[in-house]
Amino acid sequence: MAVIRSANGQYGPFRNLSDLEPEEAEKVLNEIRFQKKGFASKRSKDYLTIRRSLELKARELFILKGGKPKLSFPHYMTVGECPWLLEWFENGKELQIPITDFDPDTISFTYGDLFPTMRYQDGKIYRSQVYTLNEIYQVINDFGLPQEWNREGNNGPDRYIEVQVWDDNHYPHG
């Protein structure tokens, strides 16, 4: 998770580029690109536009399934450990929070990162899908955890199950 400055000027974890005004978010992303460190520094010029549209789509799909997001844009986590993500950042750290600490109405899931889940076209049934907590258990039962069967990324873009956290009240603030 990147440490960025929020719209109110605070720095720390659990801050989202999408919460910033577009110009400020682009400025932060350009600083990350300039540092040339980690995965985030390689993001395309249209990354923020695509990201916001995918986040809005995920939010709409979640609401259609009965989700009650409290945020316009989510914070991101994974189901289980994913060592590959730690490589994205110079000093990547892992934080474990039990799923029971979250209100199920404010968390959604994609089988894989939101970007490939919503954009990659390979006919897999979990593409373009957002799942509720109850639904993701069956998906995991059917397909397993991507970080177990695709550790090196040789079997497609799915490297983890992403959790979209749509509430600020269920995790520690930095």
C-alpha atoms as a PDB file:
ATOM      1  CA  MET A   1       0.000   0.000   0.000  1.00  0.00           C
ATOM      2  CA  ALA A   2       1.415   3.347  -0.962  1.00  0.00           C
ATOM      3  CA  VAL A   3       1.891   6.048   1.601  1.00  0.00           C
ATOM      4  CA  ILE A   4       0.428   9.199   0.079  1.00  0.00           C
ATOM      5  CA  ARG A   5      -0.999  12.476   1.232  1.00  0.00           C
ATOM      6  CA  SER A   6      -4.757  12.602   1.544  1.00  0.00           C
ATOM      7  CA  ALA A   7      -6.996  15.456   0.430  1.00  0.00           C
ATOM      8  CA  ASN A   8      -6.783  16.935   3.926  1.00  0.00           C
ATOM      9  CA  GLY A   9      -2.975  16.970   3.781  1.00  0.00           C
ATOM     10  CA  GLN A  10      -2.326  13.937   5.963  1.00  0.00           C
ATOM     11  CA  TYR A  11       0.290  11.337   5.069  1.00  0.00           C
ATOM     12  CA  GLY A  12       0.148   7.666   5.857  1.00  0.00           C
ATOM     13  CA  PRO A  13      -1.316   4.331   4.867  1.00  0.00           C
ATOM     14  CA  PHE A  14      -4.936   3.895   3.834  1.00  0.00           C
ATOM     15  CA  ARG A  15      -4.918   7.005   1.704  1.00  0.00           C
ATOM     16  CA  ASN A  16      -6.247   6.667  -1.821  1.00  0.00           C
ATOM     17  CA  LEU A  17      -5.100   8.497  -4.949  1.00  0.00           C
ATOM     18  CA  SER A  18      -8.704   8.553  -6.124  1.00  0.00           C
ATOM     19  CA  ASP A  19      -9.733  10.609  -3.095  1.00  0.00           C
ATOM     20  CA  LEU A  20      -7.499  13.443  -4.272  1.00  0.00           C
ATOM     21  CA  GLU A  21      -8.495  16.008  -6.842  1.00  0.00           C
ATOM     22  CA  PRO A  22      -7.382  14.744 -10.283  1.00  0.00           C
ATOM     23  CA  GLU A  23      -4.550  17.285 -10.580  1.00  0.00           C
ATOM     24  CA  GLU A  24      -3.190  16.453  -7.107  1.00  0.00           C
ATOM     25  CA  ALA A  25      -3.462  12.702  -7.760  1.00  0.00           C
ATOM     26  CA  GLU A  26      -1.540  13.108 -11.012  1.00  0.00           C
ATOM     27  CA  LYS A  27       1.119  15.111  -9.178  1.00  0.00           C
ATOM     28  CA  VAL A  28       1.541  12.341  -6.586  1.00  0.00           C
ATOM     29  CA  LEU A  29       1.663   9.677  -9.300  1.00  0.00           C
ATOM     30  CA  ASN A  30       4.276  11.688 -11.200  1.00  0.00           C
ATOM     31  CA  GLU A  31       6.393  11.842  -8.029  1.00  0.00           C
ATOM     32  CA  ILE A  32       6.160   8.050  -7.784  1.00  0.00           C
ATOM     33  CA  ARG A  33       7.118   7.718 -11.463  1.00  0.00           C
ATOM     34  CA  PHE A  34      10.066  10.090 -10.990  1.00  0.00           C
ATOM     35  CA  GLN A  35      11.423   7.953  -8.136  1.00  0.00           C
ATOM     36  CA  LYS A  36      11.391   4.933 -10.492  1.00  0.00           C
ATOM     37  CA  LYS A  37      10.950   2.562  -7.580  1.00  0.00           C
ATOM     38  CA  GLY A  38       8.547  -0.321  -7.578  1.00  0.00           C
ATOM     39  CA  PHE A  39       5.629  -1.384  -9.691  1.00  0.00           C
ATOM     40  CA  ALA A  40       3.622   1.814  -9.188  1.00  0.00           C
ATOM     41  CA  SER A  41       6.304   3.886 -10.930  1.00  0.00           C
ATOM     42  CA  LYS A  42       5.558   2.085 -14.221  1.00  0.00           C
ATOM     43  CA  ARG A  43       1.904   3.039 -14.468  1.00  0.00           C
ATOM     44  CA  SER A  44       0.619   4.414 -17.773  1.00  0.00           C
ATOM     45  CA  LYS A  45      -0.328   8.037 -18.420  1.00  0.00           C
ATOM     46  CA  ASP A  46      -4.049   7.170 -18.428  1.00  0.00           C
ATOM     47  CA  TYR A  47      -3.822   5.077 -15.244  1.00  0.00           C
ATOM     48  CA  LEU A  48      -5.825   7.440 -13.010  1.00  0.00           C
ATOM     49  CA  THR A  49      -8.650   7.826 -15.531  1.00  0.00           C
ATOM     50  CA  ILE A  50      -8.929   4.068 -15.960  1.00  0.00           C
ATOM     51  CA  ARG A  51      -8.628   3.483 -12.218  1.00  0.00           C
ATOM     52  CA  ARG A  52     -11.459   5.852 -11.341  1.00  0.00           C
ATOM     53  CA  SER A  53     -13.757   4.360 -13.979  1.00  0.00           C
ATOM     54  CA  LEU A  54     -13.057   0.816 -12.739  1.00  0.00           C
ATOM     55  CA  GLU A  55     -13.601   1.852  -9.129  1.00  0.00           C
ATOM     56  CA  LEU A  56     -16.951   3.405 -10.036  1.00  0.00           C
ATOM     57  CA  LYS A  57     -17.937   0.256 -11.949  1.00  0.00           C
ATOM     58  CA  ALA A  58     -16.951  -1.961  -8.991  1.00  0.00           C
ATOM     59  CA  ARG A  59     -18.938   0.263  -6.624  1.00  0.00           C
ATOM     60  CA  GLU A  60     -22.031   0.103  -8.848  1.00  0.00           C
ATOM     61  CA  LEU A  61     -21.799  -3.694  -9.159  1.00  0.00           C
ATOM     62  CA  PHE A  62     -21.380  -4.018  -5.403  1.00  0.00           C
ATOM     63  CA  ILE A  63     -24.461  -1.862  -4.747  1.00  0.00           C
ATOM     64  CA  LEU A  64     -26.464  -4.012  -7.181  1.00  0.00           C
ATOM     65  CA  LYS A  65     -25.581  -7.020  -5.007  1.00  0.00           C
ATOM     66  CA  GLY A  66     -26.772  -5.267  -1.863  1.00  0.00           C
ATOM     67  CA  GLY A  67     -23.464  -3.736  -0.800  1.00  0.00           C
ATOM     68  CA  LYS A  68     -23.547  -0.510   1.186  1.00  0.00           C
ATOM     69  CA  PRO A  69     -20.315   1.332   0.433  1.00  0.00           C
ATOM     70  CA  LYS A  70     -19.660   4.356   2.611  1.00  0.00           C
ATOM     71  CA  LEU A  71     -16.773   5.642   0.490  1.00  0.00           C
ATOM     72  CA  SER A  72     -16.720   6.788  -3.118  1.00  0.00           C
ATOM     73  CA  PHE A  73     -13.443   4.959  -3.713  1.00  0.00           C
ATOM     74  CA  PRO A  74     -12.168   1.868  -1.894  1.00  0.00           C
ATOM     75  CA  HIS A  75      -9.035   0.986  -0.025  1.00  0.00           C
ATOM     76  CA  TYR A  76      -7.396  -2.215  -1.198  1.00  0.00           C
ATOM     77  CA  MET A  77      -6.339  -5.386   0.578  1.00  0.00           C
ATOM     78  CA  THR A  78      -5.934  -9.032  -0.355  1.00  0.00           C
ATOM     79  CA  VAL A  79      -7.381 -12.277   0.887  1.00  0.00           C
ATOM     80  CA  GLY A  80      -4.379 -14.029   2.387  1.00  0.00           C
ATOM     81  CA  GLU A  81      -0.703 -13.270   1.980  1.00  0.00           C
ATOM     82  CA  CYS A  82       0.759 -12.205  -1.349  1.00  0.00           C
ATOM     83  CA  PRO A  83       4.564 -11.882  -1.226  1.00  0.00           C
ATOM     84  CA  TRP A  84       4.591 -10.546  -4.802  1.00  0.00           C
ATOM     85  CA  LEU A  85       2.829  -7.358  -3.665  1.00  0.00           C
ATOM     86  CA  LEU A  86       5.568  -6.660  -1.126  1.00  0.00           C
ATOM     87  CA  GLU A  87       7.949  -6.283  -4.087  1.00  0.00           C
ATOM     88  CA  TRP A  88       5.928  -3.306  -5.357  1.00  0.00           C
ATOM     89  CA  PHE A  89       7.342  -1.058  -2.664  1.00  0.00           C
ATOM     90  CA  GLU A  90      10.816  -0.376  -1.355  1.00  0.00           C
ATOM     91  CA  ASN A  91       9.838  -1.228   2.218  1.00  0.00           C
ATOM     92  CA  GLY A  92       6.691  -3.276   1.679  1.00  0.00           C
ATOM     93  CA  LYS A  93       5.030  -4.547   4.843  1.00  0.00           C
ATOM     94  CA  GLU A  94       2.210  -6.947   5.548  1.00  0.00           C
ATOM     95  CA  LEU A  95      -0.720  -6.166   7.819  1.00  0.00           C
ATOM     96  CA  GLN A  96      -3.218  -8.865   8.764  1.00  0.00           C
ATOM     97  CA  ILE A  97      -6.743  -7.927   9.767  1.00  0.00           C
ATOM     98  CA  PRO A  98      -9.327 -10.664  10.361  1.00  0.00           C
ATOM     99  CA  ILE A  99     -12.196 -10.562   7.880  1.00  0.00           C
ATOM    100  CA  THR A 100     -14.563 -10.597  10.869  1.00  0.00           C
ATOM    101  CA  ASP A 101     -13.337  -7.089  11.771  1.00  0.00           C
ATOM    102  CA  PHE A 102     -15.135  -5.718   8.704  1.00  0.00           C
ATOM    103  CA  ASP A 103     -18.804  -5.046   8.114  1.00  0.00           C
ATOM    104  CA  PRO A 104     -19.675  -7.464   5.252  1.00  0.00           C
ATOM    105  CA  ASP A 105     -21.875  -4.777   3.684  1.00  0.00           C
ATOM    106  CA  THR A 106     -18.804  -2.584   3.122  1.00  0.00           C
ATOM    107  CA  ILE A 107     -16.328  -5.027   1.530  1.00  0.00           C
ATOM    108  CA  SER A 108     -16.354  -6.424  -1.980  1.00  0.00           C
ATOM    109  CA  PHE A 109     -13.982  -8.781  -3.754  1.00  0.00           C
ATOM    110  CA  THR A 110     -12.570  -9.379  -7.205  1.00  0.00           C
ATOM    111  CA  TYR A 111     -10.827 -12.562  -8.245  1.00  0.00           C
ATOM    112  CA  GLY A 112      -7.582 -10.858  -9.093  1.00  0.00           C
ATOM    113  CA  ASP A 113      -6.656  -7.204  -9.141  1.00  0.00           C
ATOM    114  CA  LEU A 114      -9.457  -4.863 -10.184  1.00  0.00           C
ATOM    115  CA  PHE A 115      -7.656  -3.879 -13.411  1.00  0.00           C
ATOM    116  CA  PRO A 116      -7.277  -7.302 -15.040  1.00  0.00           C
ATOM    117  CA  THR A 117     -10.519  -8.569 -13.505  1.00  0.00           C
ATOM    118  CA  MET A 118     -12.483  -5.845 -15.258  1.00  0.00           C
ATOM    119  CA  ARG A 119     -10.389  -5.488 -18.426  1.00  0.00           C
ATOM    120  CA  TYR A 120      -8.788  -8.830 -19.316  1.00  0.00           C
ATOM    121  CA  GLN A 121     -10.846 -10.849 -21.790  1.00  0.00           C
ATOM    122  CA  ASP A 122     -10.121 -14.574 -21.571  1.00  0.00           C
ATOM    123  CA  GLY A 123     -13.591 -15.992 -20.999  1.00  0.00           C
ATOM    124  CA  LYS A 124     -13.082 -16.893 -17.331  1.00  0.00           C
ATOM    125  CA  ILE A 125     -16.359 -16.620 -15.427  1.00  0.00           C
ATOM    126  CA  TYR A 126     -14.905 -14.394 -12.722  1.00  0.00           C
ATOM    127  CA  ARG A 127     -13.995 -11.601 -15.167  1.00  0.00           C
ATOM    128  CA  SER A 128     -15.975  -8.359 -14.817  1.00  0.00           C
ATOM    129  CA  GLN A 129     -17.427  -9.648 -11.533  1.00  0.00           C
ATOM    130  CA  VAL A 130     -17.543  -8.190  -8.052  1.00  0.00           C
ATOM    131  CA  TYR A 131     -18.329 -10.579  -5.210  1.00  0.00           C
ATOM    132  CA  THR A 132     -19.802 -10.197  -1.747  1.00  0.00           C
ATOM    133  CA  LEU A 133     -18.231 -11.867   1.275  1.00  0.00           C
ATOM    134  CA  ASN A 134     -20.665 -14.789   1.053  1.00  0.00           C
ATOM    135  CA  GLU A 135     -19.982 -15.249  -2.665  1.00  0.00           C
ATOM    136  CA  ILE A 136     -16.182 -15.127  -2.500  1.00  0.00           C
ATOM    137  CA  TYR A 137     -16.054 -18.279  -0.370  1.00  0.00           C
ATOM    138  CA  GLN A 138     -17.541 -20.315  -3.244  1.00  0.00           C
ATOM    139  CA  VAL A 139     -15.209 -18.682  -5.775  1.00  0.00           C
ATOM    140  CA  ILE A 140     -12.202 -19.604  -3.608  1.00  0.00           C
ATOM    141  CA  ASN A 141     -13.566 -23.134  -3.266  1.00  0.00           C
ATOM    142  CA  ASP A 142     -13.928 -23.384  -7.071  1.00  0.00           C
ATOM    143  CA  PHE A 143     -10.648 -21.769  -8.134  1.00  0.00           C
ATOM    144  CA  GLY A 144      -8.349 -21.608  -5.099  1.00  0.00           C
ATOM    145  CA  LEU A 145      -6.146 -18.668  -4.157  1.00  0.00           C
ATOM    146  CA  PRO A 146      -4.279 -17.202  -7.139  1.00  0.00           C
ATOM    147  CA  GLN A 147      -1.185 -16.546  -5.018  1.00  0.00           C
ATOM    148  CA  GLU A 148      -0.950 -20.318  -4.561  1.00  0.00           C
ATOM    149  CA  TRP A 149      -1.469 -21.482  -8.171  1.00  0.00           C
ATOM    150  CA  ASN A 150       0.088 -18.457  -9.876  1.00  0.00           C
ATOM    151  CA  ARG A 151       2.973 -17.358  -7.640  1.00  0.00           C
ATOM    152  CA  GLU A 152       5.182 -16.313 -10.554  1.00  0.00           C
ATOM    153  CA  GLY A 153       2.419 -14.892 -12.760  1.00  0.00           C
ATOM    154  CA  ASN A 154       2.981 -17.473 -15.496  1.00  0.00           C
ATOM    155  CA  ASN A 155      -0.689 -18.501 -15.572  1.00  0.00           C
ATOM    156  CA  GLY A 156      -2.314 -15.169 -16.348  1.00  0.00           C
ATOM    157  CA  PRO A 157      -2.862 -11.861 -14.556  1.00  0.00           C
ATOM    158  CA  ASP A 158      -4.511 -13.264 -11.435  1.00  0.00           C
ATOM    159  CA  ARG A 159      -2.028 -13.057  -8.547  1.00  0.00           C
ATOM    160  CA  TYR A 160      -4.360 -12.542  -5.552  1.00  0.00           C
ATOM    161  CA  ILE A 161      -7.961 -11.936  -4.561  1.00  0.00           C
ATOM    162  CA  GLU A 162      -8.480  -8.251  -4.003  1.00  0.00           C
ATOM    163  CA  VAL A 163     -10.662  -6.856  -1.233  1.00  0.00           C
ATOM    164  CA  GLN A 164     -12.208  -3.463  -1.811  1.00  0.00           C
ATOM    165  CA  VAL A 165     -12.834  -1.828   1.560  1.00  0.00           C
ATOM    166  CA  TRP A 166     -15.589   0.771   1.218  1.00  0.00           C
ATOM    167  CA  ASP A 167     -15.529   2.115   4.783  1.00  0.00           C
ATOM    168  CA  ASP A 168     -12.964   4.050   6.811  1.00  0.00           C
ATOM    169  CA  ASN A 169     -14.138   2.747  10.169  1.00  0.00           C
ATOM    170  CA  HIS A 170     -12.798  -0.802  10.091  1.00  0.00           C
ATOM    171  CA  TYR A 171      -9.024  -0.582  10.073  1.00  0.00           C
ATOM    172  CA  PRO A 172      -6.270   1.264  11.924  1.00  0.00           C
ATOM    173  CA  HIS A 173      -5.496   4.739  10.646  1.00  0.00           C
ATOM    174  CA  GLY A 174      -1.902   5.843  10.011  1.00  0.00           C
END
